[in-house]
Amino acid sequence: MSSSKSKILVALVLLTHFNLMASDVDSESLLTLQKSITKAQENDPWLTGNQYQQDSVKSLSIAAGTYADPKVSLSIASLPTDTFNMSQEGMTQFKIGVAQMFPRGDSLALKQKQLELNSEQYPYQRQNRKAKIAVTVGQLWLDTYRVQNSIRLIQADRALFEQLTDVVAASYASTLGKTRQQDVIRAQLELTMLDNRLNQLQEQKNRYEGLLSQWLTSKNFNAEQSINLHSMNVGEVLPEVMLLKESIIISDVWLTPDKLVKHFTAHPNIMAIDKKIGASTKGIELAKQNYEPQWAVNASYANRDDDPMGNNRADLFSVGVTFDLPLFTDNRQDQQVSAAISQTESVKTERLIALRQFLGVYSSAKGRLKKLIDRQSLYRTKLLPQIQDQAEASLTAYTNDDGDFAEVVRARIAQLNAKIENLAIETEIQKVQLTLNYLFINQADQMLNFTKMANSNNNALGEK
């Protein structure tokens, strides 16, 4: 094989390699981003447990609004111990009594309202949980997408380097061309390095699949209802997460904290804390009811036997009212009210902490997103086309005996690295946008706001 023929063959291998990456994937076997999130939300046992907690609190609220059961007493009074004869003494009587306790002030209504408010936080907790699942599972899916498509890119280049290795080895073995031994070694080295990268990516793929499996396994571990991640494919089309507050996030103007916080007040996590604050506030009013006296009414009927002479004895009826006097309040009622106030203030600090966390996440995510978009633009408009031009120029120089094989290989590796890096940038943008969307939701369904992007793998280098 002559030198010119071998170089032309290398050029043909490189040129015909383009656009060979398209693969047919059964749409039914695709594990899409939306399918992953929806399935994870359906299979989350935490949501079921939270619903049971809400049902429990609702039942307690009904019970809390009901009076205590009346107490019935049965007794024999003044029974003579010498004969145990019911008719011997006039004071001997069989008594039946009923007593009813009444709550302090409005404590029953307040306790019922407190539990009702407490139960209202649970639907918001479930919405917040679903939204968090969307972020967690969505980011795991995007990491899986990045790894799987990086593997596809490298596998495609590996097939290319296998062909190049064969061509260069044949040219070197013929001794007719000018192929050098270092060209053969370089081709074999790049092939080995690609195998090493594939192994590293396979490790990452297994890791992300394992993390996804805990979310996508059915609650009862039913195999038919679970997704077998090891036989699934996330596909080659990257979905785009649509920003809920794009005008605020993309803008170069940074809102002040007081204005930004207003956008978070309807968030399910904040709303759940607000309900908790409302329930705790009712607790203060409930504690103040301890200053009110507690009343009880009791009544009894006493039956007496006839006397020993056969004369009828009158039965007896009694009625009375009892109540306590909260006179010594320093160490009891005052402290109970103080404790309720402190508990409410403690819950309010939870709200402040949550809002501060939202501000911190927003500031970090917005800054990252802006830089990632700048990098994405740089790759698409300059870096990728320039690397493409460099690859073509090195190939042209090589075929015209004005370049060497090592430069051709370096250019091709640079193309591969650029594709993988561009893929990483695009998936990272979607991960950050998921995080930002979580901050601005009113309900969890807003997290499923996706559109489809063009296949970034095939268009990453602007290949023709």
Protein backbone atom coordinates (compact mmCIF):
# COMPACT_ATOMS: atom_id res chain seq x y z
CA MET A 1 0.00 0.00 0.00
CA SER A 2 1.51 3.33 -1.06
CA SER A 3 1.73 6.31 1.27
CA SER A 4 -0.80 8.37 -0.69
CA LYS A 5 -3.27 5.51 -0.87
CA SER A 6 -3.05 4.83 2.85
CA LYS A 7 -3.62 8.51 3.65
CA ILE A 8 -6.60 8.66 1.32
CA LEU A 9 -8.00 5.58 3.03
CA VAL A 10 -7.55 7.22 6.45
CA ALA A 11 -9.38 10.29 5.16
CA LEU A 12 -12.25 8.16 3.85
CA VAL A 13 -12.55 6.38 7.21
CA LEU A 14 -12.76 9.73 9.02
CA LEU A 15 -15.19 11.32 6.58
CA THR A 16 -17.58 8.39 6.32
CA HIS A 17 -17.61 8.10 10.11
CA PHE A 18 -19.79 11.21 10.42
CA ASN A 19 -23.55 10.75 10.79
CA LEU A 20 -23.25 7.06 11.69
CA MET A 21 -24.38 7.56 15.26
CA ALA A 22 -28.13 7.46 14.72
CA SER A 23 -29.67 4.50 16.47
CA ASP A 24 -33.17 3.13 16.47
CA VAL A 25 -34.67 2.91 19.94
CA ASP A 26 -38.10 1.48 20.59
CA SER A 27 -40.20 4.35 21.92
CA GLU A 28 -41.99 1.99 24.32
CA SER A 29 -38.69 1.05 25.99
CA LEU A 30 -37.59 4.66 26.44
CA LEU A 31 -37.35 5.86 30.00
CA THR A 32 -38.24 9.51 29.49
CA LEU A 33 -37.66 12.26 32.02
CA GLN A 34 -41.38 12.81 32.59
CA LYS A 35 -42.05 9.08 32.90
CA SER A 36 -39.28 8.74 35.49
CA ILE A 37 -40.60 11.58 37.65
CA THR A 38 -44.23 10.47 37.42
CA LYS A 39 -43.34 6.88 38.25
CA ALA A 40 -41.19 7.95 41.20
CA GLN A 41 -44.03 10.06 42.61
CA GLU A 42 -46.48 7.18 42.24
CA ASN A 43 -44.13 4.76 43.99
CA ASP A 44 -43.14 7.01 46.90
CA PRO A 45 -44.33 5.44 50.18
CA TRP A 46 -43.70 8.71 52.03
CA LEU A 47 -46.72 10.26 50.30
CA THR A 48 -48.94 7.39 51.46
CA GLY A 49 -47.67 7.71 55.01
CA ASN A 50 -48.26 11.45 54.99
CA GLN A 51 -51.88 10.92 53.88
CA TYR A 52 -52.40 8.55 56.81
CA GLN A 53 -50.97 11.17 59.16
CA GLN A 54 -53.43 13.75 57.85
CA ASP A 55 -56.36 11.32 58.27
CA SER A 56 -55.22 10.67 61.84
CA VAL A 57 -55.12 14.37 62.73
CA LYS A 58 -58.53 14.95 61.13
CA SER A 59 -60.03 12.17 63.25
CA LEU A 60 -58.41 13.65 66.35
CA SER A 61 -59.90 17.07 65.54
CA ILE A 62 -63.40 15.58 65.53
CA ALA A 63 -62.76 13.85 68.84
CA ALA A 64 -61.27 17.01 70.35
CA GLY A 65 -64.52 18.95 69.81
CA THR A 66 -66.60 16.51 71.84
CA TYR A 67 -67.45 16.78 75.55
CA ALA A 68 -65.97 14.23 77.91
CA ASP A 69 -68.22 11.27 78.63
CA PRO A 70 -70.43 11.64 81.73
CA LYS A 71 -69.42 9.59 84.76
CA VAL A 72 -71.91 7.34 86.50
CA SER A 73 -71.42 6.18 90.08
CA LEU A 74 -73.20 3.43 92.02
CA SER A 75 -72.86 3.15 95.79
CA ILE A 76 -74.42 1.97 99.01
CA ALA A 77 -74.14 4.55 101.77
CA SER A 78 -74.35 4.18 105.56
CA LEU A 79 -74.82 0.41 105.58
CA PRO A 80 -74.78 -0.96 109.19
CA THR A 81 -71.95 -3.34 109.68
CA ASP A 82 -73.53 -5.39 112.49
CA THR A 83 -76.38 -6.79 110.40
CA PHE A 84 -75.86 -5.40 106.92
CA ASN A 85 -79.61 -4.87 106.83
CA MET A 86 -80.66 -2.17 104.33
CA SER A 87 -83.78 -1.31 106.33
CA GLN A 88 -82.23 -1.14 109.78
CA GLU A 89 -80.97 2.44 109.69
CA GLY A 90 -82.64 5.47 108.20
CA MET A 91 -79.39 6.73 106.68
CA THR A 92 -78.78 3.57 104.65
CA GLN A 93 -79.40 4.21 100.99
CA PHE A 94 -78.61 2.90 97.52
CA LYS A 95 -77.27 5.78 95.42
CA ILE A 96 -76.87 6.30 91.70
CA GLY A 97 -75.11 9.46 90.55
CA VAL A 98 -74.16 11.18 87.29
CA ALA A 99 -71.41 13.80 86.85
CA GLN A 100 -70.56 15.82 83.76
CA MET A 101 -67.37 17.83 83.31
CA PHE A 102 -67.39 20.94 81.12
CA PRO A 103 -64.25 22.26 79.36
CA ARG A 104 -62.52 25.46 80.35
CA GLY A 105 -63.81 28.41 78.36
CA ASP A 106 -63.58 27.79 74.60
CA SER A 107 -60.89 25.16 74.92
CA LEU A 108 -62.80 22.49 72.97
CA ALA A 109 -63.45 24.72 69.97
CA LEU A 110 -59.89 26.03 70.04
CA LYS A 111 -58.38 22.54 70.28
CA GLN A 112 -60.53 21.38 67.38
CA LYS A 113 -59.51 24.38 65.27
CA GLN A 114 -55.86 23.86 66.15
CA LEU A 115 -55.95 20.27 64.91
CA GLU A 116 -57.85 21.29 61.78
CA LEU A 117 -55.17 23.86 60.96
CA ASN A 118 -52.51 21.29 61.72
CA SER A 119 -54.09 18.84 59.27
CA GLU A 120 -54.11 21.48 56.52
CA GLN A 121 -50.30 21.46 56.30
CA TYR A 122 -50.16 17.87 55.03
CA PRO A 123 -51.42 18.47 51.46
CA TYR A 124 -48.75 21.16 51.08
CA GLN A 125 -46.14 18.78 52.48
CA ARG A 126 -47.11 16.24 49.81
CA GLN A 127 -46.88 18.85 47.07
CA ASN A 128 -43.45 19.85 48.34
CA ARG A 129 -42.36 16.21 48.48
CA LYS A 130 -43.50 15.60 44.88
CA ALA A 131 -41.59 18.67 43.74
CA LYS A 132 -38.45 17.52 45.55
CA ILE A 133 -38.82 14.10 43.92
CA ALA A 134 -39.02 15.84 40.54
CA VAL A 135 -35.72 17.62 41.25
CA THR A 136 -33.93 14.55 42.64
CA VAL A 137 -35.15 12.04 40.07
CA GLY A 138 -34.89 14.57 37.26
CA GLN A 139 -31.25 15.28 38.03
CA LEU A 140 -30.48 11.55 38.32
CA TRP A 141 -32.16 11.00 34.95
CA LEU A 142 -30.13 13.82 33.39
CA ASP A 143 -26.91 12.38 34.81
CA THR A 144 -27.90 9.00 33.35
CA TYR A 145 -28.63 10.68 30.01
CA ARG A 146 -25.24 12.38 30.02
CA VAL A 147 -23.38 9.16 30.82
CA GLN A 148 -25.30 6.99 28.36
CA ASN A 149 -24.83 9.42 25.49
CA SER A 150 -21.18 9.97 26.39
CA ILE A 151 -20.78 6.21 26.08
CA ARG A 152 -22.44 6.33 22.65
CA LEU A 153 -20.06 9.06 21.52
CA ILE A 154 -17.00 7.16 22.70
CA GLN A 155 -18.21 3.85 21.29
CA ALA A 156 -18.64 5.51 17.91
CA ASP A 157 -15.10 6.92 18.06
CA ARG A 158 -13.79 3.58 19.27
CA ALA A 159 -15.10 1.95 16.10
CA LEU A 160 -13.36 4.71 14.16
CA PHE A 161 -10.04 4.15 15.92
CA GLU A 162 -10.30 0.42 15.34
CA GLN A 163 -10.54 1.10 11.62
CA LEU A 164 -7.71 3.61 11.76
CA THR A 165 -5.53 1.16 13.66
CA ASP A 166 -6.14 -1.51 11.03
CA VAL A 167 -5.38 0.89 8.17
CA VAL A 168 -2.22 2.27 9.76
CA ALA A 169 -1.02 -1.21 10.76
CA ALA A 170 -1.55 -2.50 7.23
CA SER A 171 0.27 0.48 5.78
CA TYR A 172 3.18 0.02 8.19
CA ALA A 173 3.37 -3.71 7.50
CA SER A 174 3.51 -3.16 3.75
CA THR A 175 6.75 -1.09 4.17
CA LEU A 176 5.81 0.70 0.96
CA GLY A 177 4.40 3.78 2.54
CA LYS A 178 5.83 6.29 4.99
CA THR A 179 3.74 5.14 7.94
CA ARG A 180 5.86 5.10 11.08
CA GLN A 181 5.78 2.70 13.98
CA GLN A 182 4.84 5.55 16.30
CA ASP A 183 1.69 6.08 14.21
CA VAL A 184 0.65 2.50 14.89
CA ILE A 185 1.46 2.83 18.58
CA ARG A 186 -0.45 6.14 18.80
CA ALA A 187 -3.56 4.61 17.23
CA GLN A 188 -3.41 1.61 19.58
CA LEU A 189 -2.82 3.89 22.60
CA GLU A 190 -5.86 6.03 21.81
CA LEU A 191 -7.93 2.89 21.44
CA THR A 192 -6.80 1.69 24.89
CA MET A 193 -7.51 5.10 26.45
CA LEU A 194 -11.01 5.06 24.98
CA ASP A 195 -11.59 1.64 26.54
CA ASN A 196 -10.53 3.07 29.90
CA ARG A 197 -12.95 5.99 29.55
CA LEU A 198 -15.73 3.59 28.63
CA ASN A 199 -15.10 1.55 31.76
CA GLN A 200 -15.21 4.70 33.91
CA LEU A 201 -18.47 5.80 32.32
CA GLN A 202 -19.97 2.34 32.76
CA GLU A 203 -19.22 2.61 36.48
CA GLN A 204 -21.03 5.94 36.61
CA LYS A 205 -23.92 4.50 34.60
CA ASN A 206 -24.33 1.63 37.08
CA ARG A 207 -24.23 4.10 39.97
CA TYR A 208 -26.95 6.37 38.55
CA GLU A 209 -29.10 3.41 37.58
CA GLY A 210 -28.83 2.12 41.15
CA LEU A 211 -29.84 5.50 42.57
CA LEU A 212 -32.80 5.69 40.19
CA SER A 213 -33.94 2.19 41.08
CA GLN A 214 -34.81 3.17 44.65
CA TRP A 215 -37.27 5.72 43.27
CA LEU A 216 -38.74 3.66 40.44
CA THR A 217 -39.24 0.39 42.32
CA SER A 218 -42.92 -0.15 43.17
CA LYS A 219 -44.06 0.29 46.76
CA ASN A 220 -44.86 -3.41 47.13
CA PHE A 221 -41.79 -4.50 45.12
CA ASN A 222 -44.05 -5.86 42.37
CA ALA A 223 -41.81 -6.69 39.40
CA GLU A 224 -44.58 -5.97 36.88
CA GLN A 225 -45.08 -2.45 38.26
CA SER A 226 -41.36 -1.67 38.56
CA ILE A 227 -39.04 -0.46 35.84
CA ASN A 228 -36.04 -2.59 34.96
CA LEU A 229 -33.46 0.15 34.58
CA HIS A 230 -30.78 -2.18 33.25
CA SER A 231 -32.86 -2.84 30.13
CA MET A 232 -34.07 0.72 29.66
CA ASN A 233 -32.66 3.48 27.49
CA VAL A 234 -33.09 7.20 28.15
CA GLY A 235 -32.71 7.93 24.43
CA GLU A 236 -30.71 10.57 22.62
CA VAL A 237 -33.14 13.49 22.74
CA LEU A 238 -32.55 15.88 25.62
CA PRO A 239 -35.73 17.43 27.04
CA GLU A 240 -35.59 21.12 27.88
CA VAL A 241 -36.84 22.27 31.26
CA MET A 242 -38.92 25.41 30.70
CA LEU A 243 -38.20 28.08 33.30
CA LEU A 244 -41.22 29.20 35.32
CA LYS A 245 -39.82 32.70 36.03
CA GLU A 246 -37.60 33.12 32.99
CA SER A 247 -37.86 36.92 32.93
CA ILE A 248 -36.52 37.14 36.50
CA ILE A 249 -33.90 34.43 36.21
CA ILE A 250 -32.39 35.34 32.84
CA SER A 251 -32.41 39.07 33.55
CA ASP A 252 -29.11 40.71 34.40
CA VAL A 253 -30.92 42.56 37.19
CA TRP A 254 -30.73 40.87 40.58
CA LEU A 255 -33.85 41.39 42.70
CA THR A 256 -33.32 42.51 46.29
CA PRO A 257 -34.16 39.89 48.92
CA ASP A 258 -37.36 41.63 50.04
CA LYS A 259 -38.74 41.56 46.48
CA LEU A 260 -37.50 38.06 45.71
CA VAL A 261 -39.00 36.55 48.87
CA LYS A 262 -42.48 37.56 47.67
CA HIS A 263 -42.15 35.02 44.85
CA PHE A 264 -41.56 32.22 47.39
CA THR A 265 -44.50 32.84 49.74
CA ALA A 266 -46.88 30.60 47.75
CA HIS A 267 -44.40 27.71 47.69
CA PRO A 268 -45.87 24.48 49.19
CA ASN A 269 -43.05 24.25 51.73
CA ILE A 270 -43.70 27.81 52.96
CA MET A 271 -47.47 27.28 52.92
CA ALA A 272 -47.07 24.15 55.06
CA ILE A 273 -45.05 26.13 57.59
CA ASP A 274 -47.68 28.91 57.55
CA LYS A 275 -50.35 26.35 58.46
CA LYS A 276 -48.09 25.09 61.22
CA ILE A 277 -47.71 28.66 62.52
CA GLY A 278 -51.49 29.08 62.47
CA ALA A 279 -51.96 25.90 64.49
CA SER A 280 -49.28 27.00 66.94
CA THR A 281 -50.96 30.41 67.34
CA LYS A 282 -54.17 28.65 68.27
CA GLY A 283 -52.10 26.89 70.88
CA ILE A 284 -51.50 30.24 72.58
CA GLU A 285 -55.23 30.92 72.76
CA LEU A 286 -55.76 27.40 74.03
CA ALA A 287 -53.17 27.87 76.79
CA LYS A 288 -54.93 31.05 77.91
CA GLN A 289 -58.10 29.04 78.53
CA ASN A 290 -56.37 27.53 81.55
CA TYR A 291 -57.10 30.79 83.37
CA GLU A 292 -60.81 29.95 83.11
CA PRO A 293 -62.42 27.76 85.82
CA GLN A 294 -63.46 24.24 84.93
CA TRP A 295 -67.07 23.40 85.83
CA ALA A 296 -68.76 20.13 86.64
CA VAL A 297 -72.39 19.27 87.42
CA ASN A 298 -73.31 16.21 89.45
CA ALA A 299 -76.64 14.75 90.45
CA SER A 300 -77.56 11.66 92.44
CA TYR A 301 -80.65 9.72 93.44
CA ALA A 302 -80.70 7.68 96.67
CA ASN A 303 -83.20 4.94 97.37
CA ARG A 304 -84.05 3.93 101.00
CA ASP A 305 -85.87 0.83 102.20
CA ASP A 306 -88.88 0.95 104.50
CA ASP A 307 -88.13 1.05 108.22
CA PRO A 308 -88.43 -2.13 110.36
CA MET A 309 -92.03 -1.18 111.22
CA GLY A 310 -92.98 -1.08 107.55
CA ASN A 311 -93.20 2.69 107.30
CA ASN A 312 -92.15 4.20 103.98
CA ARG A 313 -88.95 6.25 103.90
CA ALA A 314 -88.57 9.07 101.38
CA ASP A 315 -85.93 8.68 98.66
CA LEU A 316 -83.32 11.39 98.40
CA PHE A 317 -82.15 13.51 95.44
CA SER A 318 -78.97 15.61 95.36
CA VAL A 319 -77.53 18.03 92.81
CA GLY A 320 -74.38 20.10 92.93
CA VAL A 321 -71.86 22.12 90.99
CA THR A 322 -68.10 22.01 91.36
CA PHE A 323 -65.47 24.27 89.84
CA ASP A 324 -61.83 25.03 90.38
CA LEU A 325 -60.33 28.42 91.07
CA PRO A 326 -57.09 29.14 89.14
CA LEU A 327 -55.64 31.44 91.79
CA PHE A 328 -52.00 30.37 91.78
CA THR A 329 -51.05 30.95 88.14
CA ASP A 330 -47.37 31.87 88.35
CA ASN A 331 -45.97 28.35 88.03
CA ARG A 332 -48.73 26.80 85.95
CA GLN A 333 -50.94 28.86 83.65
CA ASP A 334 -48.41 31.66 83.10
CA GLN A 335 -45.74 29.15 82.19
CA GLN A 336 -48.06 27.26 79.85
CA VAL A 337 -48.86 30.45 77.94
CA SER A 338 -45.18 31.36 77.85
CA ALA A 339 -44.35 27.91 76.46
CA ALA A 340 -47.02 28.24 73.75
CA ILE A 341 -45.69 31.65 72.70
CA SER A 342 -42.13 30.32 72.52
CA GLN A 343 -43.30 27.36 70.43
CA THR A 344 -45.00 29.71 67.96
CA GLU A 345 -41.89 31.87 67.66
CA SER A 346 -39.84 28.71 67.10
CA VAL A 347 -42.07 27.71 64.17
CA LYS A 348 -41.75 31.22 62.73
CA THR A 349 -37.98 30.80 62.69
CA GLU A 350 -38.48 27.66 60.56
CA ARG A 351 -40.14 29.87 57.97
CA LEU A 352 -37.27 32.37 58.06
CA ILE A 353 -34.71 29.60 57.69
CA ALA A 354 -36.60 28.11 54.73
CA LEU A 355 -36.81 31.48 52.97
CA ARG A 356 -33.11 32.16 53.58
CA GLN A 357 -32.29 28.77 52.08
CA PHE A 358 -34.42 29.59 49.04
CA LEU A 359 -32.55 32.87 48.61
CA GLY A 360 -29.21 31.09 48.82
CA VAL A 361 -30.19 28.37 46.35
CA TYR A 362 -31.58 30.99 43.95
CA SER A 363 -28.46 33.15 44.09
CA SER A 364 -26.18 30.19 43.47
CA ALA A 365 -28.31 28.59 40.75
CA LYS A 366 -28.91 31.83 38.83
CA GLY A 367 -25.19 32.62 38.79
CA ARG A 368 -24.35 29.09 37.64
CA LEU A 369 -27.04 29.16 34.95
CA LYS A 370 -25.76 32.42 33.47
CA LYS A 371 -22.21 31.04 33.24
CA LEU A 372 -23.41 27.74 31.78
CA ILE A 373 -25.43 29.56 29.13
CA ASP A 374 -22.35 31.65 28.28
CA ARG A 375 -20.29 28.47 27.94
CA GLN A 376 -22.99 26.84 25.84
CA SER A 377 -23.02 29.84 23.51
CA LEU A 378 -19.21 29.81 23.33
CA TYR A 379 -19.19 26.13 22.39
CA ARG A 380 -21.91 26.45 19.77
CA THR A 381 -20.75 29.64 18.08
CA LYS A 382 -16.97 29.40 18.34
CA LEU A 383 -15.35 26.44 20.03
CA LEU A 384 -17.15 23.60 18.25
CA PRO A 385 -16.91 25.09 14.74
CA GLN A 386 -13.24 25.93 15.32
CA ILE A 387 -12.48 22.39 16.45
CA GLN A 388 -14.35 21.11 13.40
CA ASP A 389 -12.25 23.35 11.13
CA GLN A 390 -9.07 22.24 12.88
CA ALA A 391 -9.97 18.57 12.35
CA GLU A 392 -10.64 19.14 8.66
CA ALA A 393 -7.44 21.16 8.23
CA SER A 394 -5.29 18.52 9.91
CA LEU A 395 -6.86 15.82 7.75
CA THR A 396 -6.30 17.85 4.59
CA ALA A 397 -2.69 18.50 5.54
CA TYR A 398 -2.13 14.82 6.24
CA THR A 399 -3.53 13.67 2.90
CA ASN A 400 -1.35 16.29 1.13
CA ASP A 401 1.82 15.10 2.87
CA ASP A 402 1.95 18.34 4.86
CA GLY A 403 0.99 16.92 8.25
CA ASP A 404 1.42 13.85 10.38
CA PHE A 405 -0.89 11.18 11.68
CA ALA A 406 -0.50 12.24 15.33
CA GLU A 407 -2.04 15.62 14.56
CA VAL A 408 -5.01 13.94 12.89
CA VAL A 409 -5.54 11.78 15.97
CA ARG A 410 -5.24 14.74 18.34
CA ALA A 411 -7.79 16.67 16.32
CA ARG A 412 -10.22 13.78 16.43
CA ILE A 413 -9.78 13.33 20.20
CA ALA A 414 -10.35 17.08 20.63
CA GLN A 415 -13.61 16.69 18.69
CA LEU A 416 -14.72 13.86 20.95
CA ASN A 417 -13.81 15.77 24.13
CA ALA A 418 -15.66 18.84 22.87
CA LYS A 419 -18.77 16.79 22.14
CA ILE A 420 -18.74 15.22 25.60
CA GLU A 421 -18.12 18.56 27.30
CA ASN A 422 -20.91 20.21 25.31
CA LEU A 423 -23.22 17.37 26.31
CA ALA A 424 -22.26 17.87 29.97
CA ILE A 425 -22.98 21.62 29.73
CA GLU A 426 -26.40 21.08 28.18
CA THR A 427 -27.47 18.52 30.77
CA GLU A 428 -26.11 20.67 33.61
CA ILE A 429 -28.23 23.58 32.36
CA GLN A 430 -31.36 21.43 32.60
CA LYS A 431 -30.39 20.30 36.12
CA VAL A 432 -29.94 23.89 37.29
CA GLN A 433 -33.25 24.92 35.70
CA LEU A 434 -35.00 22.10 37.56
CA THR A 435 -33.58 23.47 40.80
CA LEU A 436 -34.70 27.00 39.97
CA ASN A 437 -38.21 25.86 39.00
CA TYR A 438 -38.60 24.18 42.38
CA LEU A 439 -38.22 27.58 44.09
CA PHE A 440 -41.08 29.19 42.16
CA ILE A 441 -43.77 26.48 42.09
CA ASN A 442 -47.24 26.72 43.60
CA GLN A 443 -47.95 23.04 42.97
CA ALA A 444 -45.86 20.01 42.06
CA ASP A 445 -47.29 19.55 38.54
CA GLN A 446 -45.46 22.70 37.45
CA MET A 447 -42.22 20.70 37.67
CA LEU A 448 -43.31 18.67 34.62
CA ASN A 449 -42.90 21.57 32.21
CA PHE A 450 -40.68 20.14 29.45
CA THR A 451 -40.16 20.49 25.72
CA LYS A 452 -37.87 18.48 23.46
CA MET A 453 -34.55 19.80 22.27
CA ALA A 454 -32.86 18.79 19.04
CA ASN A 455 -30.46 15.86 19.32
CA SER A 456 -27.42 17.58 20.74
CA ASN A 457 -25.15 14.62 19.97
CA ASN A 458 -25.67 14.87 16.23
CA ASN A 459 -25.62 18.66 16.11
CA ALA A 460 -22.97 19.35 18.72
CA LEU A 461 -20.22 20.01 16.19
CA GLY A 462 -22.37 21.44 13.45
CA GLU A 463 -21.57 18.41 11.29
CA LYS A 464 -22.73 18.55 7.74
